[in-house]
Amino acid sequence: MSQHNIIGSEAFTRGPSVIIRKYRAGGMRRRRARTAMAFVAGAGAMLAAGAVGAVAVFGAGLP
């Protein structure tokens, strides 16, 4: 039978113990900015597609 040196509540934690060796401080900020830029680009593409669709349906007679 093997013997382990586990003390206290360490044996009952749900997740594994993880040691973060390298952490980039701006990573989350860059990811959030990239997501916001993708959202703005998608919204712009949808507006352009809607304008093209409106011209196709109603013709060039729109003001």
Protein backbone atom coordinates (compact mmCIF):
# COMPACT_ATOMS: atom_id res chain seq x y z
CA MET A 1 0.00 0.00 0.00
CA SER A 2 1.41 3.39 -0.97
CA GLN A 3 1.63 6.26 1.46
CA HIS A 4 0.84 9.84 0.42
CA ASN A 5 1.52 13.05 2.25
CA ILE A 6 -1.90 14.71 1.91
CA ILE A 7 -2.83 17.16 4.65
CA GLY A 8 -6.22 18.58 5.63
CA SER A 9 -8.76 19.66 3.02
CA GLU A 10 -6.26 19.22 0.19
CA ALA A 11 -7.56 15.68 -0.24
CA PHE A 12 -11.15 16.85 -0.72
CA THR A 13 -10.79 19.66 -3.25
CA ARG A 14 -12.70 19.13 -6.49
CA GLY A 15 -10.17 20.51 -8.92
CA PRO A 16 -6.51 19.74 -9.35
CA SER A 17 -3.98 22.11 -7.85
CA VAL A 18 -2.70 24.30 -10.66
CA ILE A 19 0.30 26.58 -10.46
CA ILE A 20 0.29 29.44 -12.95
CA ARG A 21 3.85 30.06 -14.03
CA LYS A 22 3.37 32.77 -16.62
CA TYR A 23 0.47 35.19 -16.73
CA ARG A 24 0.11 37.92 -19.31
CA ALA A 25 -1.72 40.84 -17.74
CA GLY A 26 -3.25 42.22 -20.93
CA GLY A 27 -4.51 38.93 -22.36
CA MET A 28 -8.11 39.31 -21.24
CA ARG A 29 -8.21 42.94 -22.30
CA ARG A 30 -6.98 42.02 -25.78
CA ARG A 31 -9.47 39.18 -26.05
CA ARG A 32 -12.34 41.47 -25.03
CA ALA A 33 -11.22 44.14 -27.52
CA ARG A 34 -11.00 41.54 -30.29
CA THR A 35 -14.52 40.31 -29.48
CA ALA A 36 -15.87 43.87 -29.54
CA MET A 37 -14.21 44.56 -32.89
CA ALA A 38 -15.67 41.34 -34.33
CA PHE A 39 -19.12 42.36 -33.10
CA VAL A 40 -18.82 45.83 -34.69
CA ALA A 41 -17.58 44.31 -37.96
CA GLY A 42 -20.46 41.83 -37.98
CA ALA A 43 -23.00 44.57 -37.29
CA GLY A 44 -21.56 46.66 -40.12
CA ALA A 45 -21.74 43.70 -42.50
CA MET A 46 -25.38 43.09 -41.54
CA LEU A 47 -26.26 46.75 -42.15
CA ALA A 48 -24.57 46.66 -45.55
CA ALA A 49 -26.36 43.43 -46.46
CA GLY A 50 -29.66 44.94 -45.35
CA ALA A 51 -29.09 48.01 -47.51
CA VAL A 52 -28.24 45.86 -50.52
CA GLY A 53 -31.31 43.72 -49.88
CA ALA A 54 -33.56 46.78 -49.59
CA VAL A 55 -32.25 48.15 -52.89
CA ALA A 56 -32.79 44.75 -54.51
CA VAL A 57 -36.38 44.50 -53.24
CA PHE A 58 -37.57 48.09 -53.58
CA GLY A 59 -35.40 49.14 -56.50
CA ALA A 60 -33.39 52.30 -56.84
CA GLY A 61 -36.45 54.48 -56.11
CA LEU A 62 -35.59 54.77 -52.41
CA PRO A 63 -34.64 58.27 -51.27
